[in-house]
Every structure is written in structure tokens, then in C-alpha cells.
N, C-alpha and C. Protein backbone atom coordinates (compact mmCIF):
# COMPACT_ATOMS: atom_id res chain seq x y z
N MET A 1 6.08 189.26 68.78
CA MET A 1 6.10 189.26 67.33
C MET A 1 6.34 187.81 66.88
N LEU A 2 5.41 187.28 66.10
CA LEU A 2 5.49 185.88 65.69
C LEU A 2 6.69 185.58 64.80
N ASN A 3 6.99 186.47 63.90
CA ASN A 3 8.09 186.25 62.97
C ASN A 3 8.96 187.50 62.99
N PRO A 4 9.86 187.62 63.96
CA PRO A 4 10.59 188.87 64.18
C PRO A 4 11.52 189.25 63.03
N ILE A 5 11.75 190.55 62.96
CA ILE A 5 12.72 191.11 62.01
C ILE A 5 13.61 192.07 62.79
N ASP A 6 14.69 192.47 62.19
CA ASP A 6 15.54 193.52 62.75
C ASP A 6 14.92 194.85 62.32
N VAL A 7 14.04 195.41 63.15
CA VAL A 7 13.28 196.59 62.75
C VAL A 7 14.17 197.78 62.40
N ALA A 8 15.27 197.95 63.11
CA ALA A 8 16.15 199.08 62.82
C ALA A 8 16.80 198.95 61.44
N ALA A 9 17.10 197.72 61.04
CA ALA A 9 17.73 197.50 59.74
C ALA A 9 16.72 197.51 58.60
N VAL A 10 15.48 197.11 58.86
CA VAL A 10 14.48 196.95 57.80
C VAL A 10 13.59 198.19 57.64
N ILE A 11 13.14 198.78 58.73
CA ILE A 11 12.24 199.93 58.67
C ILE A 11 13.10 201.19 58.63
N ARG A 12 13.32 201.69 57.42
CA ARG A 12 14.23 202.83 57.22
C ARG A 12 14.01 203.42 55.83
N ASP A 13 14.64 204.53 55.56
CA ASP A 13 14.66 205.12 54.22
C ASP A 13 13.27 205.23 53.59
N GLY A 14 12.31 205.72 54.34
CA GLY A 14 10.98 205.95 53.78
C GLY A 14 10.06 204.75 53.73
N GLY A 15 10.41 203.66 54.39
CA GLY A 15 9.56 202.48 54.39
C GLY A 15 10.26 201.27 54.97
N ALA A 16 10.15 200.17 54.26
CA ALA A 16 10.81 198.93 54.68
C ALA A 16 11.59 198.39 53.49
N ILE A 17 12.77 197.88 53.76
CA ILE A 17 13.59 197.31 52.69
C ILE A 17 14.41 196.16 53.26
N GLY A 18 14.50 195.08 52.48
CA GLY A 18 15.30 193.95 52.92
C GLY A 18 15.31 192.83 51.90
N ARG A 19 16.27 191.93 52.07
CA ARG A 19 16.36 190.74 51.22
C ARG A 19 15.27 189.77 51.62
N PHE A 20 14.58 189.23 50.64
CA PHE A 20 13.51 188.27 50.87
C PHE A 20 14.02 186.88 50.54
N PRO A 21 13.86 185.93 51.44
CA PRO A 21 13.12 185.94 52.69
C PRO A 21 14.00 186.12 53.94
N ASP A 22 15.27 186.43 53.77
CA ASP A 22 16.19 186.49 54.92
C ASP A 22 15.92 187.64 55.88
N GLU A 23 15.74 188.85 55.35
CA GLU A 23 15.60 190.03 56.21
C GLU A 23 14.16 190.53 56.33
N ILE A 24 13.36 190.23 55.33
CA ILE A 24 11.99 190.73 55.28
C ILE A 24 11.07 189.59 54.84
N HIS A 25 9.85 189.58 55.33
CA HIS A 25 8.88 188.55 54.94
C HIS A 25 7.55 189.24 54.66
N VAL A 26 6.59 188.50 54.08
CA VAL A 26 5.32 189.12 53.67
C VAL A 26 4.53 189.66 54.85
N GLY A 27 4.73 189.14 56.03
CA GLY A 27 4.05 189.68 57.21
C GLY A 27 4.41 191.13 57.47
N VAL A 28 5.63 191.52 57.09
CA VAL A 28 6.05 192.91 57.26
C VAL A 28 5.14 193.84 56.45
N ALA A 29 4.73 193.39 55.28
CA ALA A 29 3.83 194.21 54.46
C ALA A 29 2.50 194.43 55.18
N TRP A 30 1.96 193.39 55.81
CA TRP A 30 0.72 193.52 56.58
C TRP A 30 0.92 194.56 57.69
N TRP A 31 2.02 194.42 58.43
CA TRP A 31 2.31 195.36 59.53
C TRP A 31 2.40 196.79 59.02
N MET A 32 3.10 196.98 57.89
CA MET A 32 3.29 198.32 57.34
C MET A 32 1.96 198.92 56.88
N GLY A 33 1.12 198.11 56.23
CA GLY A 33 -0.18 198.60 55.77
C GLY A 33 -1.06 199.05 56.92
N ALA A 34 -1.18 198.21 57.94
CA ALA A 34 -2.00 198.55 59.10
C ALA A 34 -1.44 199.77 59.83
N SER A 35 -0.14 199.81 59.99
CA SER A 35 0.49 200.91 60.72
C SER A 35 0.36 202.23 59.97
N LEU A 36 0.50 202.22 58.64
CA LEU A 36 0.35 203.45 57.85
C LEU A 36 -1.05 204.03 58.03
N VAL A 37 -2.06 203.18 57.97
CA VAL A 37 -3.44 203.66 58.11
C VAL A 37 -3.65 204.29 59.48
N VAL A 38 -3.21 203.62 60.53
CA VAL A 38 -3.41 204.13 61.88
C VAL A 38 -2.60 205.41 62.11
N LEU A 39 -1.36 205.41 61.67
CA LEU A 39 -0.50 206.58 61.86
C LEU A 39 -1.08 207.81 61.17
N THR A 40 -1.56 207.65 59.94
CA THR A 40 -2.07 208.79 59.17
C THR A 40 -3.55 209.03 59.40
N ARG A 41 -4.21 208.10 60.13
CA ARG A 41 -5.64 208.18 60.39
C ARG A 41 -6.42 208.25 59.07
N ALA A 42 -5.96 207.48 58.10
CA ALA A 42 -6.50 207.55 56.74
C ALA A 42 -7.78 206.74 56.58
N ASP A 43 -8.73 207.31 55.87
CA ASP A 43 -9.91 206.53 55.50
C ASP A 43 -9.77 206.02 54.07
N ARG A 44 -8.68 206.45 53.39
CA ARG A 44 -8.39 205.99 52.04
C ARG A 44 -6.89 206.10 51.80
N ILE A 45 -6.32 205.07 51.16
CA ILE A 45 -4.93 205.11 50.71
C ILE A 45 -4.88 204.52 49.31
N VAL A 46 -3.78 204.76 48.60
CA VAL A 46 -3.57 204.22 47.26
C VAL A 46 -2.32 203.34 47.31
N VAL A 47 -2.42 202.13 46.74
CA VAL A 47 -1.32 201.17 46.80
C VAL A 47 -1.05 200.60 45.41
N ALA A 48 0.23 200.43 45.07
CA ALA A 48 0.63 199.87 43.78
C ALA A 48 1.89 199.02 43.96
N HIS A 49 2.20 198.25 42.92
CA HIS A 49 3.46 197.48 42.89
C HIS A 49 4.02 197.49 41.48
N ASP A 50 5.24 197.00 41.35
CA ASP A 50 5.95 197.07 40.07
C ASP A 50 5.71 195.88 39.14
N GLY A 51 4.89 194.93 39.52
CA GLY A 51 4.60 193.79 38.66
C GLY A 51 5.46 192.57 38.91
N HIS A 52 6.51 192.70 39.68
CA HIS A 52 7.36 191.55 40.01
C HIS A 52 6.53 190.58 40.86
N PRO A 53 6.66 189.26 40.64
CA PRO A 53 5.86 188.29 41.42
C PRO A 53 6.02 188.44 42.94
N THR A 54 7.22 188.72 43.41
CA THR A 54 7.42 188.91 44.85
C THR A 54 6.71 190.18 45.31
N SER A 55 6.80 191.24 44.54
CA SER A 55 6.10 192.48 44.88
C SER A 55 4.60 192.25 44.97
N SER A 56 4.08 191.45 44.07
CA SER A 56 2.64 191.16 44.06
C SER A 56 2.21 190.50 45.37
N ARG A 57 3.01 189.57 45.87
CA ARG A 57 2.70 188.91 47.15
C ARG A 57 2.71 189.91 48.30
N PHE A 58 3.71 190.77 48.33
CA PHE A 58 3.80 191.78 49.38
C PHE A 58 2.65 192.78 49.26
N HIS A 59 2.31 193.15 48.04
CA HIS A 59 1.21 194.08 47.77
C HIS A 59 -0.10 193.54 48.33
N GLU A 60 -0.37 192.29 48.09
CA GLU A 60 -1.62 191.68 48.57
C GLU A 60 -1.67 191.72 50.09
N ARG A 61 -0.58 191.41 50.75
CA ARG A 61 -0.54 191.42 52.22
C ARG A 61 -0.62 192.85 52.76
N PHE A 62 0.00 193.80 52.08
CA PHE A 62 -0.08 195.20 52.50
C PHE A 62 -1.55 195.65 52.50
N CYS A 63 -2.25 195.35 51.42
CA CYS A 63 -3.66 195.72 51.31
C CYS A 63 -4.48 195.09 52.43
N ARG A 64 -4.23 193.82 52.73
CA ARG A 64 -4.96 193.15 53.81
C ARG A 64 -4.69 193.81 55.16
N GLY A 65 -3.46 194.20 55.39
CA GLY A 65 -3.15 194.90 56.64
C GLY A 65 -3.86 196.23 56.73
N ALA A 66 -3.87 196.98 55.63
CA ALA A 66 -4.50 198.30 55.63
C ALA A 66 -6.00 198.23 55.89
N VAL A 67 -6.69 197.26 55.32
CA VAL A 67 -8.14 197.18 55.54
C VAL A 67 -8.47 196.65 56.93
N ASN A 68 -7.51 196.08 57.60
CA ASN A 68 -7.73 195.53 58.94
C ASN A 68 -7.16 196.41 60.05
N ALA A 69 -6.96 197.68 59.79
CA ALA A 69 -6.36 198.59 60.76
C ALA A 69 -7.42 199.19 61.68
N ARG A 70 -7.53 198.63 62.85
CA ARG A 70 -8.40 199.11 63.92
C ARG A 70 -9.79 199.46 63.42
N HIS A 71 -10.27 200.66 63.73
CA HIS A 71 -11.64 201.07 63.42
C HIS A 71 -11.72 202.01 62.22
N PHE A 72 -10.68 202.09 61.41
CA PHE A 72 -10.63 203.10 60.36
C PHE A 72 -11.45 202.76 59.11
N ALA A 73 -11.80 201.49 58.92
CA ALA A 73 -12.57 201.08 57.73
C ALA A 73 -11.98 201.71 56.47
N CYS A 74 -10.68 201.61 56.35
CA CYS A 74 -9.95 202.25 55.26
C CYS A 74 -10.28 201.61 53.91
N VAL A 75 -10.50 202.46 52.92
CA VAL A 75 -10.66 202.01 51.55
C VAL A 75 -9.27 202.03 50.91
N VAL A 76 -8.83 200.89 50.42
CA VAL A 76 -7.54 200.78 49.75
C VAL A 76 -7.80 200.81 48.25
N VAL A 77 -7.33 201.86 47.60
CA VAL A 77 -7.46 201.96 46.15
C VAL A 77 -6.26 201.22 45.56
N ASP A 78 -6.55 200.13 44.86
CA ASP A 78 -5.52 199.23 44.33
C ASP A 78 -5.22 199.59 42.88
N LEU A 79 -4.05 200.17 42.65
CA LEU A 79 -3.63 200.50 41.29
C LEU A 79 -3.09 199.28 40.55
N ARG A 80 -2.85 198.22 41.28
CA ARG A 80 -2.15 197.05 40.75
C ARG A 80 -0.76 197.50 40.31
N VAL A 81 -0.41 197.34 39.04
CA VAL A 81 0.94 197.66 38.57
C VAL A 81 1.03 199.14 38.17
N SER A 82 1.99 199.83 38.76
CA SER A 82 2.21 201.24 38.45
C SER A 82 3.62 201.61 38.89
N ASP A 83 4.03 202.80 38.48
CA ASP A 83 5.30 203.34 38.96
C ASP A 83 5.01 204.48 39.94
N GLU A 84 6.07 205.10 40.43
CA GLU A 84 5.89 206.15 41.43
C GLU A 84 5.08 207.33 40.90
N SER A 85 5.33 207.74 39.66
CA SER A 85 4.59 208.89 39.13
C SER A 85 3.10 208.58 39.00
N GLY A 86 2.76 207.36 38.61
CA GLY A 86 1.36 206.96 38.54
C GLY A 86 0.71 206.95 39.91
N LEU A 87 1.45 206.43 40.89
CA LEU A 87 0.94 206.42 42.26
C LEU A 87 0.70 207.84 42.75
N MET A 88 1.65 208.74 42.52
CA MET A 88 1.51 210.12 42.99
C MET A 88 0.31 210.80 42.32
N ARG A 89 0.11 210.56 41.04
CA ARG A 89 -1.02 211.16 40.33
C ARG A 89 -2.33 210.74 40.96
N VAL A 90 -2.47 209.46 41.26
CA VAL A 90 -3.73 208.95 41.80
C VAL A 90 -3.93 209.37 43.26
N THR A 91 -2.86 209.45 44.04
CA THR A 91 -3.04 209.92 45.42
C THR A 91 -3.57 211.35 45.42
N GLN A 92 -3.14 212.16 44.47
CA GLN A 92 -3.64 213.53 44.36
C GLN A 92 -5.07 213.55 43.82
N GLU A 93 -5.38 212.64 42.91
CA GLU A 93 -6.74 212.54 42.37
C GLU A 93 -7.75 212.30 43.49
N PHE A 94 -7.35 211.57 44.51
CA PHE A 94 -8.23 211.26 45.63
C PHE A 94 -8.12 212.27 46.76
N GLY A 95 -7.49 213.40 46.52
CA GLY A 95 -7.44 214.44 47.53
C GLY A 95 -6.24 214.38 48.44
N ALA A 96 -5.09 214.03 47.91
CA ALA A 96 -3.84 214.01 48.68
C ALA A 96 -3.89 212.99 49.82
N VAL A 97 -4.14 211.74 49.46
CA VAL A 97 -4.17 210.65 50.45
C VAL A 97 -2.81 209.97 50.51
N PRO A 98 -2.51 209.26 51.61
CA PRO A 98 -1.25 208.52 51.70
C PRO A 98 -1.19 207.40 50.65
N GLY A 99 0.01 206.92 50.38
CA GLY A 99 0.18 205.85 49.41
C GLY A 99 1.36 204.96 49.73
N ALA A 100 1.43 203.86 48.98
CA ALA A 100 2.55 202.92 49.13
C ALA A 100 2.86 202.29 47.78
N LEU A 101 4.14 202.11 47.52
CA LEU A 101 4.61 201.45 46.30
C LEU A 101 5.55 200.33 46.71
N ILE A 102 5.28 199.13 46.20
CA ILE A 102 6.08 197.96 46.54
C ILE A 102 6.85 197.53 45.30
N THR A 103 8.17 197.46 45.44
CA THR A 103 9.04 197.10 44.32
C THR A 103 10.02 196.02 44.76
N THR A 104 10.50 195.27 43.76
CA THR A 104 11.48 194.21 44.01
C THR A 104 12.59 194.31 42.98
N THR A 105 13.82 194.23 43.44
CA THR A 105 14.98 194.19 42.56
C THR A 105 15.83 192.99 42.96
N GLY A 106 16.70 192.60 42.06
CA GLY A 106 17.63 191.54 42.43
C GLY A 106 17.87 190.56 41.31
N ASP A 107 19.02 189.96 41.39
CA ASP A 107 19.43 188.93 40.46
C ASP A 107 19.73 187.69 41.29
N GLY A 108 18.75 186.83 41.43
CA GLY A 108 18.93 185.64 42.24
C GLY A 108 18.45 185.82 43.67
N VAL A 109 18.70 186.99 44.26
CA VAL A 109 18.21 187.30 45.60
C VAL A 109 17.33 188.54 45.47
N ASP A 110 16.07 188.42 45.86
CA ASP A 110 15.14 189.54 45.76
C ASP A 110 15.31 190.50 46.93
N THR A 111 15.38 191.78 46.61
CA THR A 111 15.34 192.83 47.62
C THR A 111 14.02 193.56 47.44
N VAL A 112 13.21 193.55 48.49
CA VAL A 112 11.88 194.15 48.45
C VAL A 112 11.93 195.50 49.15
N ARG A 113 11.27 196.48 48.54
CA ARG A 113 11.14 197.81 49.14
C ARG A 113 9.66 198.16 49.21
N ILE A 114 9.21 198.54 50.39
CA ILE A 114 7.86 199.05 50.60
C ILE A 114 8.02 200.53 50.89
N SER A 115 7.76 201.37 49.90
CA SER A 115 7.91 202.81 50.05
C SER A 115 6.59 203.42 50.50
N LEU A 116 6.63 204.20 51.58
CA LEU A 116 5.44 204.83 52.13
C LEU A 116 5.48 206.33 51.86
N TYR A 117 4.31 206.89 51.54
CA TYR A 117 4.20 208.31 51.22
C TYR A 117 3.09 208.95 52.04
N ASP A 118 3.33 210.18 52.47
CA ASP A 118 2.29 210.91 53.19
C ASP A 118 1.30 211.49 52.18
N GLY A 119 0.29 212.19 52.68
CA GLY A 119 -0.73 212.75 51.80
C GLY A 119 -0.22 213.80 50.84
N GLY A 120 0.94 214.37 51.10
CA GLY A 120 1.53 215.34 50.20
C GLY A 120 2.42 214.72 49.15
N GLY A 121 2.53 213.39 49.15
CA GLY A 121 3.36 212.70 48.17
C GLY A 121 4.83 212.62 48.56
N HIS A 122 5.14 212.96 49.80
CA HIS A 122 6.53 212.90 50.27
C HIS A 122 6.80 211.56 50.94
N PRO A 123 8.00 211.02 50.74
CA PRO A 123 8.35 209.78 51.45
C PRO A 123 8.22 209.99 52.96
N LEU A 124 7.70 208.99 53.63
CA LEU A 124 7.55 209.07 55.08
C LEU A 124 8.94 209.10 55.72
N GLY A 125 9.21 210.14 56.49
CA GLY A 125 10.50 210.28 57.15
C GLY A 125 10.42 209.87 58.61
N GLU A 126 11.56 209.93 59.26
CA GLU A 126 11.62 209.57 60.68
C GLU A 126 10.63 210.38 61.50
N GLU A 127 10.65 211.71 61.32
CA GLU A 127 9.78 212.58 62.11
C GLU A 127 8.34 212.54 61.64
N SER A 128 8.11 212.22 60.38
CA SER A 128 6.73 212.24 59.87
C SER A 128 6.03 210.88 60.01
N GLY A 129 6.64 209.95 60.74
CA GLY A 129 5.93 208.73 61.04
C GLY A 129 6.69 207.43 60.97
N LEU A 130 7.81 207.40 60.28
CA LEU A 130 8.53 206.14 60.14
C LEU A 130 9.02 205.62 61.49
N ALA A 131 9.50 206.51 62.35
CA ALA A 131 9.96 206.08 63.68
C ALA A 131 8.81 205.50 64.49
N ALA A 132 7.63 206.11 64.37
CA ALA A 132 6.45 205.60 65.10
C ALA A 132 6.05 204.22 64.59
N ILE A 133 6.12 204.01 63.28
CA ILE A 133 5.80 202.69 62.71
C ILE A 133 6.82 201.66 63.20
N ARG A 134 8.09 202.03 63.18
CA ARG A 134 9.14 201.13 63.67
C ARG A 134 8.87 200.73 65.12
N ASP A 135 8.50 201.72 65.94
CA ASP A 135 8.21 201.44 67.35
C ASP A 135 7.00 200.52 67.50
N MET A 136 5.93 200.77 66.73
CA MET A 136 4.74 199.92 66.80
C MET A 136 5.10 198.47 66.52
N ILE A 137 5.91 198.26 65.48
CA ILE A 137 6.28 196.90 65.09
C ILE A 137 7.22 196.29 66.13
N ALA A 138 8.21 197.04 66.58
CA ALA A 138 9.18 196.53 67.56
C ALA A 138 8.50 196.16 68.87
N GLU A 139 7.48 196.93 69.25
CA GLU A 139 6.78 196.69 70.52
C GLU A 139 5.55 195.80 70.36
N ASP A 140 5.42 195.20 69.18
CA ASP A 140 4.31 194.28 68.87
C ASP A 140 2.95 194.95 69.12
N ARG A 141 2.83 196.19 68.66
CA ARG A 141 1.58 196.94 68.77
C ARG A 141 0.99 197.21 67.40
N VAL A 142 1.13 196.25 66.49
CA VAL A 142 0.58 196.42 65.14
C VAL A 142 -0.94 196.43 65.26
N PRO A 143 -1.59 197.42 64.67
CA PRO A 143 -3.04 197.55 64.80
C PRO A 143 -3.80 196.37 64.20
N ILE A 144 -4.85 195.96 64.90
CA ILE A 144 -5.74 194.91 64.41
C ILE A 144 -7.17 195.44 64.43
N PRO A 145 -8.08 194.82 63.67
CA PRO A 145 -9.45 195.35 63.62
C PRO A 145 -10.17 195.16 64.95
N VAL A 146 -11.06 196.09 65.24
CA VAL A 146 -11.82 195.98 66.48
C VAL A 146 -13.10 195.17 66.29
N ASN A 147 -13.66 195.16 65.09
CA ASN A 147 -14.84 194.36 64.78
C ASN A 147 -15.04 194.32 63.27
N GLU A 148 -15.96 193.50 62.83
CA GLU A 148 -16.18 193.31 61.39
C GLU A 148 -16.62 194.61 60.70
N GLN A 149 -17.42 195.42 61.37
CA GLN A 149 -17.89 196.67 60.78
C GLN A 149 -16.75 197.67 60.58
N ALA A 150 -15.67 197.49 61.32
CA ALA A 150 -14.53 198.40 61.23
C ALA A 150 -13.58 198.03 60.08
N ARG A 151 -13.81 196.89 59.47
CA ARG A 151 -12.94 196.43 58.40
C ARG A 151 -13.15 197.28 57.14
N GLY A 152 -12.06 197.62 56.49
CA GLY A 152 -12.14 198.38 55.25
C GLY A 152 -12.35 197.46 54.06
N ARG A 153 -12.04 197.98 52.88
CA ARG A 153 -12.19 197.17 51.66
C ARG A 153 -11.17 197.63 50.62
N VAL A 154 -10.91 196.75 49.67
CA VAL A 154 -10.01 197.06 48.56
C VAL A 154 -10.88 197.34 47.34
N GLU A 155 -10.60 198.46 46.67
CA GLU A 155 -11.29 198.82 45.43
C GLU A 155 -10.25 198.93 44.33
N ARG A 156 -10.50 198.28 43.23
CA ARG A 156 -9.57 198.39 42.10
C ARG A 156 -9.75 199.74 41.42
N TYR A 157 -8.65 200.38 41.13
CA TYR A 157 -8.67 201.68 40.47
C TYR A 157 -9.05 201.52 39.01
N ARG A 158 -9.91 202.40 38.57
CA ARG A 158 -10.25 202.49 37.15
C ARG A 158 -10.01 203.92 36.72
N SER A 159 -9.15 204.08 35.77
CA SER A 159 -8.80 205.41 35.29
C SER A 159 -10.01 206.09 34.68
N PRO A 160 -10.22 207.37 34.97
CA PRO A 160 -11.30 208.10 34.32
C PRO A 160 -11.17 208.07 32.80
N ALA A 161 -9.93 207.90 32.29
CA ALA A 161 -9.70 207.84 30.85
C ALA A 161 -10.33 206.61 30.21
N THR A 162 -10.58 205.55 31.01
CA THR A 162 -11.19 204.34 30.46
C THR A 162 -12.70 204.36 30.59
N GLY A 163 -13.24 205.49 31.03
CA GLY A 163 -14.68 205.61 31.12
C GLY A 163 -15.25 205.22 32.47
N GLY A 164 -14.41 204.86 33.40
CA GLY A 164 -14.91 204.47 34.72
C GLY A 164 -14.76 205.60 35.71
N GLY A 165 -15.28 205.35 36.88
CA GLY A 165 -15.08 206.29 37.98
C GLY A 165 -13.68 206.09 38.51
N ALA A 166 -13.37 206.76 39.57
CA ALA A 166 -12.03 206.67 40.14
C ALA A 166 -11.73 205.29 40.69
N ALA A 167 -12.68 204.68 41.36
CA ALA A 167 -12.47 203.33 41.91
C ALA A 167 -13.78 202.58 41.82
N GLU A 168 -13.67 201.27 41.72
CA GLU A 168 -14.90 200.46 41.63
C GLU A 168 -15.03 199.56 42.81
């Protein structure tokens, strides 16, 4: 692992959480995105963030990791800024696909949370995949693309209420 973290302390409680940049770094978002796609075998996921500048950086890296997950050619539906209820609505709109919400809190010291959800909208638990993701990262087995054709893509979400399709 090029930039190690304390996986037991960071990968917990439904995703990853830590003080930035001391406990967590943007590379963790890439690892989490790629690992979520491989773990769930998803061909589509929905990703959002809370609008905080640090969250935006982590969001971008998460999306890059997800589209580069082995041979899955995953389509990442990018909600950009949203809250959990908006994320859940759109994951169901796409047929109960996995999702992720990246948020940042803090006064002077940013604490970043990458919350992962299964296709049913439930936070990823230890038995439903979080332990497997932690192991992949700890053992430096983060998925990478097998070839250019296997690479996915990011599509910006367009609400049907604005006259667009689900994603563009």
C-alpha cells in the first residue's frame, strides 16, 4: 500500500471515516469506490457528496476508483451535491443499485465520511461487505482495471423533473 492507513480504525461504521489528512486521504476514496463495485458486482452505482470542498475532492476520487474496478465497466451516476434521502431516491430509481455519500464535518479539522450503501439502501455492514473491503485494502488487493474496454464511465444525473433522462 503506497500510502497506508489504519484500516481497522478507518474502515468501519458503514464505510470509511477519519480526520483529513491525518487518518484518511483521497486515495482511500479511490480504494473504496473500486472495492464497492467489485464487492457488489455492480454495473451501476450512484454517488453524491454534501458540497464541502473536501468532500468534492474525495467524491471525484471515489468516482475514478469505481470506473476503474476490474472488468465491470461500471457506470457511476454522479448526483453531485445531495443528501442521503436524495441518494436513496435515485438508487431506487435505477433499480436498487449500490450507492455512496461523501460528507465532511469539522471546525478547523475536517472529518471525512464515505458512507456505503447496498442495493437495498442499507448501510454496508461487516457481514454485508465492509469486512471484505477492509481486507482488500489491508492486503493491498484493491481492484484495478484489466484493460481500457473494461473501464466504466461517469454520467451526471439529470432529474426527470428537469426534462432529462435519468443520466446523461
